Amino acid sequence: GDNDNKVVWEKTKYGLANLYKLETVDLSENKLSGTIEYRPLYNLASLTHFDVSGNQLSGEINALFTSSITHSNFGNNNFTSIRRFEKYKGSYQTLRYCDSSNNAIQINAADLLKNIPPNIEQFFASN
């Protein structure tokens, strides 16, 4: 049931935190639910690609959660907010692709577009 998937996500997120050389995480098109706890993932300095699209995840999107991220895909979930892009984060310079489309995000467009990372090549927020 839904609880089984939540348990898998809980185990996965902390297991990932110990994989310091991890470069790619692709958990797309599963039935993962719950929220993403980003703190255990902060130290993944080699992580460049993160894809959790096509799940049932909710809560907040943080596209700049690790210093080397270049590609983040949170599309087709149930996220309700997206953290503002913060200029002091290392990944503010590295992020090239971000997809937050087809979620339930409610945010003022001016806030969303205020600090778009300078090197971004593709940013999707359509519904």
N, C-alpha and C. Protein backbone atom coordinates (compact mmCIF):
# COMPACT_ATOMS: atom_id res chain seq x y z
N GLY A 1 0.82 -1.19 0.00
CA GLY A 1 0.00 0.00 0.00
C GLY A 1 0.85 1.25 0.00
N ASP A 2 0.22 2.40 0.22
CA ASP A 2 0.92 3.68 0.24
C ASP A 2 2.00 3.73 1.31
N ASN A 3 1.75 3.08 2.44
CA ASN A 3 2.74 3.08 3.52
C ASN A 3 4.03 2.39 3.11
N ASP A 4 3.94 1.34 2.30
CA ASP A 4 5.13 0.62 1.85
C ASP A 4 6.06 1.55 1.08
N ASN A 5 5.49 2.37 0.20
CA ASN A 5 6.30 3.30 -0.58
C ASN A 5 6.94 4.36 0.30
N LYS A 6 6.21 4.81 1.30
CA LYS A 6 6.76 5.81 2.21
C LYS A 6 7.96 5.24 2.97
N VAL A 7 7.86 4.00 3.38
CA VAL A 7 8.98 3.35 4.08
C VAL A 7 10.18 3.26 3.16
N VAL A 8 9.98 2.89 1.90
CA VAL A 8 11.08 2.81 0.94
C VAL A 8 11.75 4.17 0.80
N TRP A 9 10.97 5.24 0.67
CA TRP A 9 11.53 6.58 0.53
C TRP A 9 12.32 6.95 1.78
N GLU A 10 11.81 6.65 2.97
CA GLU A 10 12.51 6.95 4.22
C GLU A 10 13.86 6.24 4.25
N LYS A 11 13.90 4.98 3.88
CA LYS A 11 15.15 4.22 3.89
C LYS A 11 16.10 4.75 2.81
N THR A 12 15.56 5.08 1.65
CA THR A 12 16.38 5.52 0.53
C THR A 12 17.08 6.83 0.84
N LYS A 13 16.37 7.81 1.38
CA LYS A 13 16.97 9.13 1.55
C LYS A 13 18.17 9.10 2.48
N TYR A 14 18.12 8.31 3.54
CA TYR A 14 19.26 8.26 4.45
C TYR A 14 20.37 7.38 3.90
N GLY A 15 20.03 6.38 3.12
CA GLY A 15 21.05 5.57 2.47
C GLY A 15 21.84 6.39 1.47
N LEU A 16 21.15 7.26 0.75
CA LEU A 16 21.81 8.11 -0.24
C LEU A 16 22.80 9.06 0.41
N ALA A 17 22.52 9.52 1.60
CA ALA A 17 23.36 10.51 2.27
C ALA A 17 24.77 10.01 2.51
N ASN A 18 24.95 8.70 2.53
CA ASN A 18 26.27 8.13 2.77
C ASN A 18 27.04 7.82 1.49
N LEU A 19 26.45 8.06 0.35
CA LEU A 19 27.08 7.76 -0.94
C LEU A 19 27.73 9.03 -1.51
N TYR A 20 28.86 9.40 -0.94
CA TYR A 20 29.48 10.69 -1.23
C TYR A 20 29.92 10.87 -2.68
N LYS A 21 30.14 9.79 -3.40
CA LYS A 21 30.58 9.90 -4.80
C LYS A 21 29.41 9.79 -5.78
N LEU A 22 28.20 9.69 -5.26
CA LEU A 22 27.01 9.53 -6.09
C LEU A 22 26.85 10.74 -7.02
N GLU A 23 26.64 10.48 -8.31
CA GLU A 23 26.50 11.54 -9.30
C GLU A 23 25.07 11.69 -9.81
N THR A 24 24.32 10.58 -9.87
CA THR A 24 22.98 10.60 -10.44
C THR A 24 22.01 9.85 -9.54
N VAL A 25 20.85 10.47 -9.30
CA VAL A 25 19.74 9.80 -8.61
C VAL A 25 18.54 9.90 -9.53
N ASP A 26 18.01 8.76 -9.95
CA ASP A 26 16.81 8.73 -10.79
C ASP A 26 15.80 7.81 -10.13
N LEU A 27 14.84 8.40 -9.47
CA LEU A 27 13.75 7.66 -8.82
C LEU A 27 12.43 7.99 -9.51
N SER A 28 12.50 8.34 -10.78
CA SER A 28 11.31 8.77 -11.52
C SER A 28 10.36 7.62 -11.79
N GLU A 29 9.09 8.00 -11.99
CA GLU A 29 8.02 7.08 -12.40
C GLU A 29 7.85 5.89 -11.45
N ASN A 30 7.83 6.18 -10.18
CA ASN A 30 7.50 5.19 -9.16
C ASN A 30 6.23 5.65 -8.47
N LYS A 31 5.95 5.12 -7.32
CA LYS A 31 4.80 5.58 -6.55
C LYS A 31 5.26 6.11 -5.21
N LEU A 32 6.41 6.81 -5.22
CA LEU A 32 6.94 7.37 -3.99
C LEU A 32 6.04 8.48 -3.49
N SER A 33 5.82 8.49 -2.18
CA SER A 33 4.97 9.53 -1.60
C SER A 33 5.70 10.14 -0.41
N GLY A 34 5.10 11.17 0.16
CA GLY A 34 5.70 11.85 1.30
C GLY A 34 6.48 13.07 0.83
N THR A 35 7.31 13.59 1.72
CA THR A 35 8.09 14.77 1.42
C THR A 35 9.57 14.40 1.30
N ILE A 36 10.33 15.27 0.70
CA ILE A 36 11.77 15.05 0.59
C ILE A 36 12.45 15.77 1.74
N GLU A 37 13.23 15.05 2.49
CA GLU A 37 14.06 15.65 3.54
C GLU A 37 15.41 15.92 2.89
N TYR A 38 15.70 17.19 2.60
CA TYR A 38 16.90 17.55 1.85
C TYR A 38 18.17 17.51 2.69
N ARG A 39 18.07 17.76 3.98
CA ARG A 39 19.26 17.87 4.83
C ARG A 39 20.22 16.69 4.70
N PRO A 40 19.74 15.43 4.70
CA PRO A 40 20.69 14.31 4.55
C PRO A 40 21.41 14.29 3.19
N LEU A 41 20.91 15.05 2.23
CA LEU A 41 21.48 15.04 0.88
C LEU A 41 22.46 16.18 0.64
N TYR A 42 22.55 17.13 1.58
CA TYR A 42 23.39 18.32 1.39
C TYR A 42 24.85 17.99 1.10
N ASN A 43 25.37 16.91 1.66
CA ASN A 43 26.79 16.59 1.53
C ASN A 43 27.14 15.80 0.28
N LEU A 44 26.20 15.60 -0.60
CA LEU A 44 26.47 14.84 -1.83
C LEU A 44 27.09 15.78 -2.87
N ALA A 45 28.35 16.10 -2.67
CA ALA A 45 29.04 17.11 -3.48
C ALA A 45 29.24 16.70 -4.94
N SER A 46 29.12 15.42 -5.26
CA SER A 46 29.29 14.96 -6.64
C SER A 46 27.97 14.84 -7.39
N LEU A 47 26.86 15.00 -6.68
CA LEU A 47 25.54 14.81 -7.29
C LEU A 47 25.24 15.92 -8.29
N THR A 48 25.05 15.54 -9.55
CA THR A 48 24.74 16.52 -10.59
C THR A 48 23.32 16.35 -11.15
N HIS A 49 22.78 15.14 -11.12
CA HIS A 49 21.44 14.87 -11.67
C HIS A 49 20.54 14.26 -10.59
N PHE A 50 19.36 14.88 -10.43
CA PHE A 50 18.38 14.41 -9.44
C PHE A 50 17.01 14.42 -10.09
N ASP A 51 16.39 13.24 -10.21
CA ASP A 51 15.11 13.12 -10.89
C ASP A 51 14.14 12.31 -10.03
N VAL A 52 13.11 12.98 -9.54
CA VAL A 52 12.04 12.31 -8.79
C VAL A 52 10.70 12.55 -9.48
N SER A 53 10.73 12.81 -10.77
CA SER A 53 9.50 13.11 -11.51
C SER A 53 8.58 11.89 -11.57
N GLY A 54 7.29 12.17 -11.74
CA GLY A 54 6.31 11.11 -11.94
C GLY A 54 6.04 10.27 -10.71
N ASN A 55 6.04 10.89 -9.55
CA ASN A 55 5.72 10.20 -8.30
C ASN A 55 4.53 10.88 -7.64
N GLN A 56 4.39 10.71 -6.35
CA GLN A 56 3.31 11.34 -5.59
C GLN A 56 3.89 12.11 -4.42
N LEU A 57 5.06 12.72 -4.65
CA LEU A 57 5.74 13.45 -3.60
C LEU A 57 5.08 14.81 -3.37
N SER A 58 5.20 15.33 -2.17
CA SER A 58 4.56 16.60 -1.82
C SER A 58 5.53 17.44 -1.00
N GLY A 59 5.05 18.59 -0.54
CA GLY A 59 5.88 19.48 0.26
C GLY A 59 6.59 20.49 -0.61
N GLU A 60 7.84 20.77 -0.27
CA GLU A 60 8.59 21.84 -0.92
C GLU A 60 9.66 21.30 -1.88
N ILE A 61 9.81 21.98 -3.01
CA ILE A 61 10.89 21.72 -3.94
C ILE A 61 12.07 22.61 -3.55
N ASN A 62 13.24 22.01 -3.46
CA ASN A 62 14.47 22.78 -3.25
C ASN A 62 15.44 22.35 -4.36
N ALA A 63 15.46 23.09 -5.43
CA ALA A 63 16.25 22.71 -6.60
C ALA A 63 17.75 22.90 -6.39
N LEU A 64 18.15 23.65 -5.37
CA LEU A 64 19.56 23.94 -5.13
C LEU A 64 20.08 23.24 -3.89
N PHE A 65 19.63 22.02 -3.63
CA PHE A 65 19.93 21.38 -2.34
C PHE A 65 21.34 20.83 -2.20
N THR A 66 22.08 20.71 -3.26
CA THR A 66 23.47 20.26 -3.16
C THR A 66 24.34 21.11 -4.08
N SER A 67 25.60 21.25 -3.75
CA SER A 67 26.46 22.27 -4.36
C SER A 67 26.75 22.08 -5.84
N SER A 68 26.64 20.86 -6.36
CA SER A 68 27.05 20.63 -7.75
C SER A 68 25.90 20.28 -8.68
N ILE A 69 24.67 20.41 -8.22
CA ILE A 69 23.52 20.00 -9.03
C ILE A 69 23.45 20.80 -10.33
N THR A 70 23.26 20.11 -11.45
CA THR A 70 23.09 20.76 -12.74
C THR A 70 21.70 20.48 -13.32
N HIS A 71 21.10 19.38 -12.93
CA HIS A 71 19.84 18.91 -13.51
C HIS A 71 18.93 18.44 -12.38
N SER A 72 17.79 19.10 -12.20
CA SER A 72 16.83 18.64 -11.19
C SER A 72 15.44 18.57 -11.80
N ASN A 73 14.78 17.44 -11.60
CA ASN A 73 13.45 17.23 -12.16
C ASN A 73 12.51 16.78 -11.06
N PHE A 74 11.57 17.67 -10.73
CA PHE A 74 10.55 17.42 -9.71
C PHE A 74 9.16 17.35 -10.34
N GLY A 75 9.08 17.30 -11.66
CA GLY A 75 7.82 17.37 -12.39
C GLY A 75 6.86 16.22 -12.09
N ASN A 76 5.58 16.48 -12.31
CA ASN A 76 4.52 15.48 -12.19
C ASN A 76 4.46 14.83 -10.81
N ASN A 77 4.32 15.66 -9.80
CA ASN A 77 4.15 15.24 -8.42
C ASN A 77 3.04 16.06 -7.79
N ASN A 78 3.07 16.17 -6.47
CA ASN A 78 2.07 16.96 -5.74
C ASN A 78 2.72 18.04 -4.88
N PHE A 79 3.89 18.54 -5.30
CA PHE A 79 4.56 19.59 -4.54
C PHE A 79 3.70 20.83 -4.49
N THR A 80 3.70 21.52 -3.36
CA THR A 80 2.86 22.70 -3.19
C THR A 80 3.66 24.00 -3.10
N SER A 81 4.99 23.90 -2.98
CA SER A 81 5.81 25.11 -2.93
C SER A 81 7.19 24.83 -3.51
N ILE A 82 7.87 25.91 -3.85
CA ILE A 82 9.24 25.82 -4.35
C ILE A 82 10.05 26.87 -3.61
N ARG A 83 11.18 26.45 -3.05
CA ARG A 83 12.04 27.37 -2.32
C ARG A 83 12.66 28.36 -3.29
N ARG A 84 12.73 29.62 -2.87
CA ARG A 84 13.35 30.64 -3.71
C ARG A 84 14.79 30.26 -4.01
N PHE A 85 15.25 30.62 -5.19
CA PHE A 85 16.64 30.38 -5.56
C PHE A 85 17.49 31.34 -4.74
N GLU A 86 18.43 30.79 -3.98
CA GLU A 86 19.26 31.60 -3.10
C GLU A 86 20.63 31.79 -3.70
N LYS A 87 21.02 33.05 -3.91
CA LYS A 87 22.26 33.38 -4.62
C LYS A 87 23.52 32.87 -3.92
N TYR A 88 23.48 32.71 -2.61
CA TYR A 88 24.68 32.30 -1.88
C TYR A 88 24.99 30.81 -2.03
N LYS A 89 24.05 30.02 -2.54
CA LYS A 89 24.27 28.58 -2.71
C LYS A 89 25.20 28.32 -3.89
N GLY A 90 26.12 27.37 -3.73
CA GLY A 90 27.03 27.01 -4.82
C GLY A 90 26.30 26.58 -6.07
N SER A 91 25.21 25.87 -5.88
CA SER A 91 24.45 25.36 -7.02
C SER A 91 23.70 26.46 -7.76
N TYR A 92 23.66 27.67 -7.21
CA TYR A 92 23.05 28.80 -7.91
C TYR A 92 23.79 29.03 -9.23
N GLN A 93 25.08 28.71 -9.26
CA GLN A 93 25.89 28.87 -10.47
C GLN A 93 25.87 27.63 -11.36
N THR A 94 25.64 26.44 -10.78
CA THR A 94 25.76 25.19 -11.56
C THR A 94 24.46 24.72 -12.20
N LEU A 95 23.30 25.11 -11.64
CA LEU A 95 22.02 24.59 -12.14
C LEU A 95 21.77 25.03 -13.58
N ARG A 96 21.53 24.04 -14.46
CA ARG A 96 21.27 24.31 -15.88
C ARG A 96 19.83 23.95 -16.28
N TYR A 97 19.24 22.97 -15.60
CA TYR A 97 17.92 22.45 -15.96
C TYR A 97 17.11 22.24 -14.69
N CYS A 98 15.90 22.77 -14.69
CA CYS A 98 15.00 22.57 -13.54
C CYS A 98 13.57 22.43 -14.05
N ASP A 99 12.94 21.33 -13.69
CA ASP A 99 11.55 21.08 -14.07
C ASP A 99 10.71 20.93 -12.81
N SER A 100 9.79 21.86 -12.62
CA SER A 100 8.86 21.79 -11.50
C SER A 100 7.42 21.77 -12.02
N SER A 101 7.25 21.40 -13.28
CA SER A 101 5.94 21.45 -13.92
C SER A 101 4.99 20.37 -13.39
N ASN A 102 3.70 20.61 -13.61
CA ASN A 102 2.64 19.68 -13.24
C ASN A 102 2.68 19.28 -11.77
N ASN A 103 2.68 20.29 -10.92
CA ASN A 103 2.57 20.14 -9.49
C ASN A 103 1.44 21.05 -9.02
N ALA A 104 1.30 21.24 -7.75
CA ALA A 104 0.24 22.10 -7.19
C ALA A 104 0.87 23.32 -6.53
N ILE A 105 1.90 23.87 -7.15
CA ILE A 105 2.65 24.99 -6.57
C ILE A 105 1.84 26.27 -6.66
N GLN A 106 1.75 26.94 -5.52
CA GLN A 106 1.07 28.23 -5.46
C GLN A 106 2.08 29.25 -4.96
N ILE A 107 2.55 30.08 -5.89
CA ILE A 107 3.55 31.08 -5.55
C ILE A 107 3.36 32.29 -6.46
N ASN A 108 3.70 33.45 -5.97
CA ASN A 108 3.66 34.66 -6.76
C ASN A 108 4.71 34.54 -7.86
N ALA A 109 4.32 34.79 -9.10
CA ALA A 109 5.23 34.64 -10.24
C ALA A 109 6.48 35.51 -10.08
N ALA A 110 6.33 36.71 -9.55
CA ALA A 110 7.47 37.60 -9.37
C ALA A 110 8.48 36.99 -8.40
N ASP A 111 7.99 36.34 -7.34
CA ASP A 111 8.89 35.69 -6.39
C ASP A 111 9.62 34.53 -7.03
N LEU A 112 8.92 33.76 -7.83
CA LEU A 112 9.52 32.61 -8.49
C LEU A 112 10.62 33.03 -9.46
N LEU A 113 10.39 34.09 -10.20
CA LEU A 113 11.32 34.51 -11.24
C LEU A 113 12.38 35.50 -10.76
N LYS A 114 12.31 35.91 -9.51
CA LYS A 114 13.20 36.95 -8.98
C LYS A 114 14.68 36.58 -9.08
N ASN A 115 15.05 35.40 -8.67
CA ASN A 115 16.46 35.02 -8.60
C ASN A 115 16.78 33.78 -9.42
N ILE A 116 16.27 33.71 -10.63
CA ILE A 116 16.56 32.56 -11.49
C ILE A 116 18.09 32.45 -11.63
N PRO A 117 18.64 31.25 -11.44
CA PRO A 117 20.09 31.08 -11.56
C PRO A 117 20.61 31.58 -12.92
N PRO A 118 21.76 32.24 -12.92
CA PRO A 118 22.24 32.92 -14.13
C PRO A 118 22.63 31.98 -15.27
N ASN A 119 22.97 30.73 -14.98
CA ASN A 119 23.42 29.82 -16.03
C ASN A 119 22.34 28.81 -16.44
N ILE A 120 21.12 29.02 -15.98
CA ILE A 120 20.05 28.08 -16.29
C ILE A 120 19.75 28.12 -17.79
N GLU A 121 19.57 26.95 -18.37
CA GLU A 121 19.26 26.85 -19.79
C GLU A 121 17.80 26.48 -20.03
N GLN A 122 17.22 25.68 -19.12
CA GLN A 122 15.82 25.29 -19.24
C GLN A 122 15.18 25.30 -17.85
N PHE A 123 14.06 26.03 -17.75
CA PHE A 123 13.31 26.07 -16.50
C PHE A 123 11.84 25.89 -16.85
N PHE A 124 11.23 24.83 -16.32
CA PHE A 124 9.84 24.51 -16.60
C PHE A 124 9.01 24.64 -15.33
N ALA A 125 7.93 25.39 -15.40
CA ALA A 125 7.02 25.52 -14.29
C ALA A 125 5.57 25.52 -14.78
N SER A 126 5.34 24.89 -15.92
CA SER A 126 4.00 24.86 -16.51
C SER A 126 3.10 23.87 -15.77
N ASN A 127 1.81 24.01 -16.00
CA ASN A 127 0.87 23.09 -15.37
C ASN A 127 -0.01 22.49 -16.42
